[in-house]
């Protein structure tokens, strides 16, 4: 996956199209077991973006005193194909390339301006 925690992204499709935010969490797909052994469910690759895809959850009061209850608004995961990385250098939504250095290390690269995103 080309998106990491802490990246600035813009939503390119869906109800929240055009909104920007920071990635709070990355949810990777798990490898299948049983009948789907050895396969990865790519449709499960999702990211949680701050302030995007807000849902309302009706939370019941439980026995714990510190539990939050009532109607709670929080971010739901959005599929990684519906977001695009914002380049920190040029500020444009961009596809991500990979640059391999002579010592074998890899870094993400902006396809718009050619700068390395993280070194």
N, C-alpha and C. Protein backbone atom coordinates (compact mmCIF):
# COMPACT_ATOMS: atom_id res chain seq x y z
N UNK A 1 0.84 -1.18 0.00
CA UNK A 1 0.00 0.00 0.00
C UNK A 1 0.88 1.24 0.00
N UNK A 2 0.47 2.26 -0.72
CA UNK A 2 1.29 3.46 -0.87
C UNK A 2 0.92 4.56 0.10
N UNK A 3 -0.10 4.36 0.92
CA UNK A 3 -0.54 5.35 1.89
C UNK A 3 -0.10 4.87 3.27
N UNK A 4 0.45 5.80 4.06
CA UNK A 4 0.90 5.47 5.41
C UNK A 4 0.23 6.37 6.43
N UNK A 5 0.32 5.99 7.69
CA UNK A 5 -0.23 6.79 8.77
C UNK A 5 0.49 8.13 8.82
N UNK A 6 -0.28 9.21 8.96
CA UNK A 6 0.29 10.55 9.03
C UNK A 6 0.34 11.27 7.71
N UNK A 7 0.03 10.60 6.60
CA UNK A 7 0.03 11.24 5.28
C UNK A 7 -1.19 12.15 5.13
N UNK A 8 -1.04 13.22 4.34
CA UNK A 8 -2.17 14.06 3.97
C UNK A 8 -2.75 13.49 2.68
N UNK A 9 -4.06 13.26 2.66
CA UNK A 9 -4.70 12.69 1.49
C UNK A 9 -5.92 13.52 1.13
N UNK A 10 -6.37 13.37 -0.12
CA UNK A 10 -7.59 13.99 -0.59
C UNK A 10 -8.50 12.87 -1.10
N UNK A 11 -9.80 12.97 -0.81
CA UNK A 11 -10.76 11.96 -1.24
C UNK A 11 -11.14 12.25 -2.69
N UNK A 12 -11.03 11.24 -3.56
CA UNK A 12 -11.26 11.46 -4.98
C UNK A 12 -12.59 10.90 -5.46
N UNK A 13 -13.29 10.11 -4.64
CA UNK A 13 -14.60 9.62 -5.04
C UNK A 13 -15.44 9.34 -3.81
N UNK A 14 -16.75 9.35 -4.00
CA UNK A 14 -17.68 9.10 -2.90
C UNK A 14 -18.35 10.38 -2.44
N UNK A 15 -19.09 10.27 -1.33
CA UNK A 15 -19.85 11.41 -0.81
C UNK A 15 -18.95 12.54 -0.34
N UNK A 16 -17.76 12.23 0.16
CA UNK A 16 -16.84 13.22 0.71
C UNK A 16 -15.78 13.66 -0.29
N UNK A 17 -16.08 13.55 -1.59
CA UNK A 17 -15.10 13.87 -2.62
C UNK A 17 -14.62 15.31 -2.49
N UNK A 18 -13.29 15.50 -2.56
CA UNK A 18 -12.70 16.82 -2.47
C UNK A 18 -12.21 17.20 -1.09
N UNK A 19 -12.63 16.48 -0.06
CA UNK A 19 -12.19 16.83 1.29
C UNK A 19 -10.81 16.25 1.58
N UNK A 20 -10.05 16.96 2.38
CA UNK A 20 -8.68 16.57 2.72
C UNK A 20 -8.61 16.22 4.20
N UNK A 21 -7.61 15.43 4.55
CA UNK A 21 -7.39 15.09 5.95
C UNK A 21 -6.14 14.27 6.11
N UNK A 22 -5.81 14.01 7.37
CA UNK A 22 -4.62 13.23 7.70
C UNK A 22 -5.04 11.80 8.02
N UNK A 23 -4.24 10.85 7.55
CA UNK A 23 -4.54 9.44 7.79
C UNK A 23 -4.24 9.13 9.25
N UNK A 24 -5.26 8.66 9.98
CA UNK A 24 -5.07 8.31 11.39
C UNK A 24 -4.69 6.85 11.57
N UNK A 25 -5.21 5.99 10.68
CA UNK A 25 -4.98 4.56 10.85
C UNK A 25 -5.08 3.88 9.50
N UNK A 26 -4.29 2.85 9.28
CA UNK A 26 -4.32 2.06 8.05
C UNK A 26 -4.77 0.66 8.42
N UNK A 27 -5.83 0.17 7.76
CA UNK A 27 -6.36 -1.17 8.02
C UNK A 27 -5.98 -2.04 6.84
N UNK A 28 -5.06 -2.96 7.06
CA UNK A 28 -4.59 -3.84 5.99
C UNK A 28 -5.49 -5.05 5.85
N UNK A 29 -5.54 -5.62 4.65
CA UNK A 29 -6.32 -6.83 4.41
C UNK A 29 -5.61 -8.02 5.03
N UNK A 30 -6.38 -8.98 5.50
CA UNK A 30 -5.81 -10.18 6.10
C UNK A 30 -5.72 -11.27 5.06
N UNK A 31 -4.81 -12.21 5.28
CA UNK A 31 -4.70 -13.36 4.39
C UNK A 31 -5.81 -14.32 4.72
N UNK A 32 -6.39 -14.95 3.68
CA UNK A 32 -7.52 -15.85 3.87
C UNK A 32 -7.12 -17.17 4.48
N UNK A 33 -8.09 -17.79 5.15
CA UNK A 33 -7.90 -19.12 5.72
C UNK A 33 -9.01 -20.02 5.19
N UNK A 34 -8.78 -21.32 5.23
CA UNK A 34 -9.80 -22.25 4.79
C UNK A 34 -9.91 -22.28 3.28
N UNK A 35 -11.10 -21.96 2.78
CA UNK A 35 -11.34 -22.06 1.34
C UNK A 35 -10.56 -21.02 0.56
N UNK A 36 -10.32 -19.86 1.16
CA UNK A 36 -9.59 -18.80 0.48
C UNK A 36 -8.14 -18.74 0.95
N UNK A 37 -7.58 -19.86 1.31
CA UNK A 37 -6.22 -19.89 1.86
C UNK A 37 -5.22 -19.36 0.84
N UNK A 38 -4.34 -18.49 1.30
CA UNK A 38 -3.30 -17.96 0.45
C UNK A 38 -3.73 -16.75 -0.35
N UNK A 39 -4.98 -16.33 -0.26
CA UNK A 39 -5.46 -15.16 -0.99
C UNK A 39 -5.60 -13.98 -0.04
N UNK A 40 -5.36 -12.80 -0.56
CA UNK A 40 -5.51 -11.58 0.21
C UNK A 40 -6.75 -10.85 -0.26
N UNK A 41 -7.62 -10.47 0.67
CA UNK A 41 -8.84 -9.74 0.31
C UNK A 41 -8.48 -8.28 0.13
N UNK A 42 -8.18 -7.90 -1.11
CA UNK A 42 -7.72 -6.55 -1.41
C UNK A 42 -8.81 -5.53 -1.12
N UNK A 43 -10.08 -5.93 -1.20
CA UNK A 43 -11.17 -5.01 -0.92
C UNK A 43 -11.21 -4.57 0.54
N UNK A 44 -10.41 -5.21 1.38
CA UNK A 44 -10.38 -4.85 2.80
C UNK A 44 -9.30 -3.83 3.13
N UNK A 45 -8.50 -3.38 2.15
CA UNK A 45 -7.48 -2.36 2.40
C UNK A 45 -8.16 -1.01 2.57
N UNK A 46 -8.14 -0.47 3.78
CA UNK A 46 -8.87 0.76 4.09
C UNK A 46 -8.02 1.69 4.92
N UNK A 47 -8.39 2.98 4.91
CA UNK A 47 -7.72 3.98 5.74
C UNK A 47 -8.78 4.79 6.48
N UNK A 48 -8.43 5.28 7.67
CA UNK A 48 -9.29 6.17 8.44
C UNK A 48 -8.69 7.56 8.34
N UNK A 49 -9.47 8.50 7.78
CA UNK A 49 -9.01 9.86 7.54
C UNK A 49 -9.75 10.79 8.50
N UNK A 50 -9.01 11.70 9.13
CA UNK A 50 -9.60 12.62 10.10
C UNK A 50 -10.61 13.54 9.44
N UNK A 51 -11.83 13.59 9.97
CA UNK A 51 -12.87 14.48 9.49
C UNK A 51 -13.58 14.03 8.23
N UNK A 52 -13.32 12.82 7.75
CA UNK A 52 -13.90 12.32 6.51
C UNK A 52 -14.69 11.05 6.81
N UNK A 53 -15.82 10.86 6.12
CA UNK A 53 -16.68 9.69 6.25
C UNK A 53 -17.17 9.53 7.69
N UNK A 54 -17.76 10.59 8.22
CA UNK A 54 -18.26 10.58 9.59
C UNK A 54 -19.55 9.78 9.68
N UNK A 55 -19.65 8.94 10.72
CA UNK A 55 -20.86 8.17 10.98
C UNK A 55 -21.31 8.46 12.40
N UNK A 56 -22.58 8.18 12.67
CA UNK A 56 -23.11 8.33 14.01
C UNK A 56 -23.38 6.96 14.57
N UNK A 57 -22.79 6.67 15.73
CA UNK A 57 -22.95 5.38 16.37
C UNK A 57 -23.77 5.58 17.63
N UNK A 58 -24.82 4.79 17.78
CA UNK A 58 -25.66 4.86 18.98
C UNK A 58 -25.08 3.90 20.01
N UNK A 59 -24.45 4.44 21.04
CA UNK A 59 -23.73 3.64 22.03
C UNK A 59 -24.57 3.55 23.30
N UNK A 60 -24.83 2.34 23.74
CA UNK A 60 -25.61 2.11 24.95
C UNK A 60 -24.71 2.25 26.18
N UNK A 61 -25.29 2.69 27.26
CA UNK A 61 -24.55 2.80 28.52
C UNK A 61 -24.25 1.38 29.03
N UNK A 62 -23.01 1.16 29.46
CA UNK A 62 -22.63 -0.14 30.02
C UNK A 62 -22.31 0.04 31.49
N UNK A 63 -21.88 -1.02 32.13
CA UNK A 63 -21.60 -0.97 33.57
C UNK A 63 -20.40 -0.12 33.91
N UNK A 64 -19.48 0.07 32.97
CA UNK A 64 -18.28 0.86 33.23
C UNK A 64 -18.64 2.34 33.30
N UNK A 65 -18.14 3.03 34.30
CA UNK A 65 -18.48 4.44 34.50
C UNK A 65 -17.81 5.32 33.44
N UNK A 66 -16.64 4.94 32.95
CA UNK A 66 -15.87 5.77 32.03
C UNK A 66 -16.28 5.61 30.57
N UNK A 67 -17.24 4.72 30.27
CA UNK A 67 -17.62 4.48 28.89
C UNK A 67 -18.46 5.64 28.36
N UNK A 68 -18.14 6.07 27.15
CA UNK A 68 -18.89 7.14 26.51
C UNK A 68 -20.19 6.54 25.98
N UNK A 69 -21.32 7.23 26.16
CA UNK A 69 -22.59 6.71 25.71
C UNK A 69 -23.39 7.82 25.03
N UNK A 70 -24.45 7.43 24.35
CA UNK A 70 -25.26 8.36 23.59
C UNK A 70 -24.95 8.23 22.11
N UNK A 71 -25.16 9.29 21.36
CA UNK A 71 -24.88 9.29 19.92
C UNK A 71 -23.46 9.82 19.73
N UNK A 72 -22.58 8.96 19.27
CA UNK A 72 -21.16 9.30 19.11
C UNK A 72 -20.87 9.44 17.62
N UNK A 73 -20.24 10.54 17.23
CA UNK A 73 -19.86 10.74 15.83
C UNK A 73 -18.38 10.42 15.70
N UNK A 74 -18.04 9.56 14.74
CA UNK A 74 -16.65 9.16 14.55
C UNK A 74 -16.40 8.88 13.08
N UNK A 75 -15.12 8.71 12.74
CA UNK A 75 -14.73 8.44 11.36
C UNK A 75 -14.81 6.94 11.08
N UNK A 76 -15.33 6.60 9.92
CA UNK A 76 -15.37 5.21 9.47
C UNK A 76 -14.28 5.02 8.43
N UNK A 77 -13.79 3.79 8.27
CA UNK A 77 -12.76 3.55 7.26
C UNK A 77 -13.29 3.77 5.84
N UNK A 78 -12.39 4.22 4.96
CA UNK A 78 -12.71 4.44 3.55
C UNK A 78 -11.69 3.63 2.74
N UNK A 79 -12.12 3.11 1.60
CA UNK A 79 -11.23 2.26 0.82
C UNK A 79 -10.05 3.07 0.29
N UNK A 80 -8.89 2.45 0.25
CA UNK A 80 -7.65 3.15 -0.11
C UNK A 80 -7.66 3.61 -1.57
N UNK A 81 -8.47 2.99 -2.42
CA UNK A 81 -8.53 3.42 -3.82
C UNK A 81 -9.32 4.72 -3.97
N UNK A 82 -10.05 5.13 -2.94
CA UNK A 82 -10.84 6.36 -3.01
C UNK A 82 -10.09 7.57 -2.46
N UNK A 83 -8.84 7.40 -2.08
CA UNK A 83 -8.03 8.53 -1.61
C UNK A 83 -6.76 8.63 -2.45
N UNK A 84 -6.22 9.85 -2.51
CA UNK A 84 -4.99 10.09 -3.26
C UNK A 84 -4.05 10.91 -2.39
N UNK A 85 -2.79 10.56 -2.40
CA UNK A 85 -1.79 11.22 -1.57
C UNK A 85 -1.54 12.64 -2.05
N UNK A 86 -1.46 13.58 -1.10
CA UNK A 86 -1.07 14.96 -1.41
C UNK A 86 0.43 15.07 -1.22
N UNK A 87 1.11 15.53 -2.25
CA UNK A 87 2.56 15.68 -2.18
C UNK A 87 2.90 16.81 -1.22
N UNK A 88 3.77 16.59 -0.24
CA UNK A 88 4.13 17.67 0.68
C UNK A 88 4.94 18.78 0.02
N UNK A 89 5.59 18.49 -1.10
CA UNK A 89 6.41 19.50 -1.77
C UNK A 89 5.57 20.40 -2.68
N UNK A 90 4.80 19.77 -3.60
CA UNK A 90 4.05 20.56 -4.58
C UNK A 90 2.59 20.77 -4.19
N UNK A 91 2.08 19.99 -3.24
CA UNK A 91 0.72 20.18 -2.75
C UNK A 91 -0.36 19.65 -3.67
N UNK A 92 -0.01 18.86 -4.68
CA UNK A 92 -0.99 18.33 -5.63
C UNK A 92 -1.29 16.87 -5.30
N UNK A 93 -2.52 16.41 -5.61
CA UNK A 93 -2.79 14.97 -5.49
C UNK A 93 -1.94 14.22 -6.51
N UNK A 94 -1.32 13.15 -6.08
CA UNK A 94 -0.38 12.47 -6.96
C UNK A 94 -0.43 10.97 -6.79
N UNK A 95 -0.04 10.28 -7.84
CA UNK A 95 0.21 8.85 -7.72
C UNK A 95 1.58 8.68 -7.09
N UNK A 96 1.82 7.49 -6.57
CA UNK A 96 3.06 7.26 -5.83
C UNK A 96 3.93 6.28 -6.61
N UNK A 97 5.17 6.68 -6.84
CA UNK A 97 6.15 5.79 -7.43
C UNK A 97 7.15 5.39 -6.35
N UNK A 98 8.00 4.45 -6.66
CA UNK A 98 9.02 4.00 -5.71
C UNK A 98 10.39 4.17 -6.32
N UNK A 99 11.29 4.72 -5.53
CA UNK A 99 12.65 4.97 -5.98
C UNK A 99 13.58 4.08 -5.16
N UNK A 100 14.42 3.31 -5.84
CA UNK A 100 15.36 2.42 -5.16
C UNK A 100 16.74 3.04 -5.26
N UNK A 101 17.38 3.20 -4.10
CA UNK A 101 18.71 3.80 -4.06
C UNK A 101 19.79 2.73 -4.19
N UNK A 102 21.03 3.17 -4.33
CA UNK A 102 22.15 2.25 -4.56
C UNK A 102 22.38 1.33 -3.36
N UNK A 103 22.08 1.81 -2.16
CA UNK A 103 22.32 0.97 -0.98
C UNK A 103 21.16 0.01 -0.70
N UNK A 104 20.14 -0.02 -1.58
CA UNK A 104 19.04 -0.97 -1.45
C UNK A 104 17.82 -0.44 -0.73
N UNK A 105 17.88 0.77 -0.19
CA UNK A 105 16.71 1.33 0.48
C UNK A 105 15.73 1.88 -0.54
N UNK A 106 14.45 1.93 -0.15
CA UNK A 106 13.40 2.42 -1.04
C UNK A 106 12.74 3.64 -0.43
N UNK A 107 12.26 4.51 -1.29
CA UNK A 107 11.53 5.70 -0.84
C UNK A 107 10.38 5.95 -1.81
N UNK A 108 9.31 6.53 -1.29
CA UNK A 108 8.18 6.89 -2.16
C UNK A 108 8.53 8.17 -2.92
N UNK A 109 8.01 8.26 -4.13
CA UNK A 109 8.34 9.38 -5.00
C UNK A 109 7.06 9.94 -5.61
N UNK A 110 6.97 11.28 -5.67
CA UNK A 110 5.84 11.96 -6.27
C UNK A 110 5.94 11.85 -7.79
N UNK A 111 4.86 11.43 -8.45
CA UNK A 111 4.86 11.31 -9.90
C UNK A 111 4.66 12.67 -10.58
N UNK A 112 4.18 13.68 -9.83
CA UNK A 112 3.96 15.01 -10.40
C UNK A 112 5.27 15.79 -10.52
N UNK A 113 5.98 15.91 -9.37
CA UNK A 113 7.19 16.76 -9.37
C UNK A 113 8.48 15.95 -9.29
N UNK A 114 8.41 14.64 -9.02
CA UNK A 114 9.60 13.81 -8.97
C UNK A 114 10.36 13.82 -7.67
N UNK A 115 9.88 14.56 -6.67
CA UNK A 115 10.58 14.63 -5.37
C UNK A 115 10.29 13.39 -4.54
N UNK A 116 11.23 13.04 -3.66
CA UNK A 116 11.00 11.92 -2.75
C UNK A 116 10.11 12.41 -1.62
N UNK A 117 9.12 11.58 -1.28
CA UNK A 117 8.16 11.94 -0.24
C UNK A 117 8.73 11.65 1.14
N UNK A 118 9.36 10.51 1.30
CA UNK A 118 10.02 10.18 2.56
C UNK A 118 11.35 9.51 2.26
N UNK A 119 12.37 9.95 2.92
CA UNK A 119 13.70 9.41 2.64
C UNK A 119 14.18 8.52 3.77
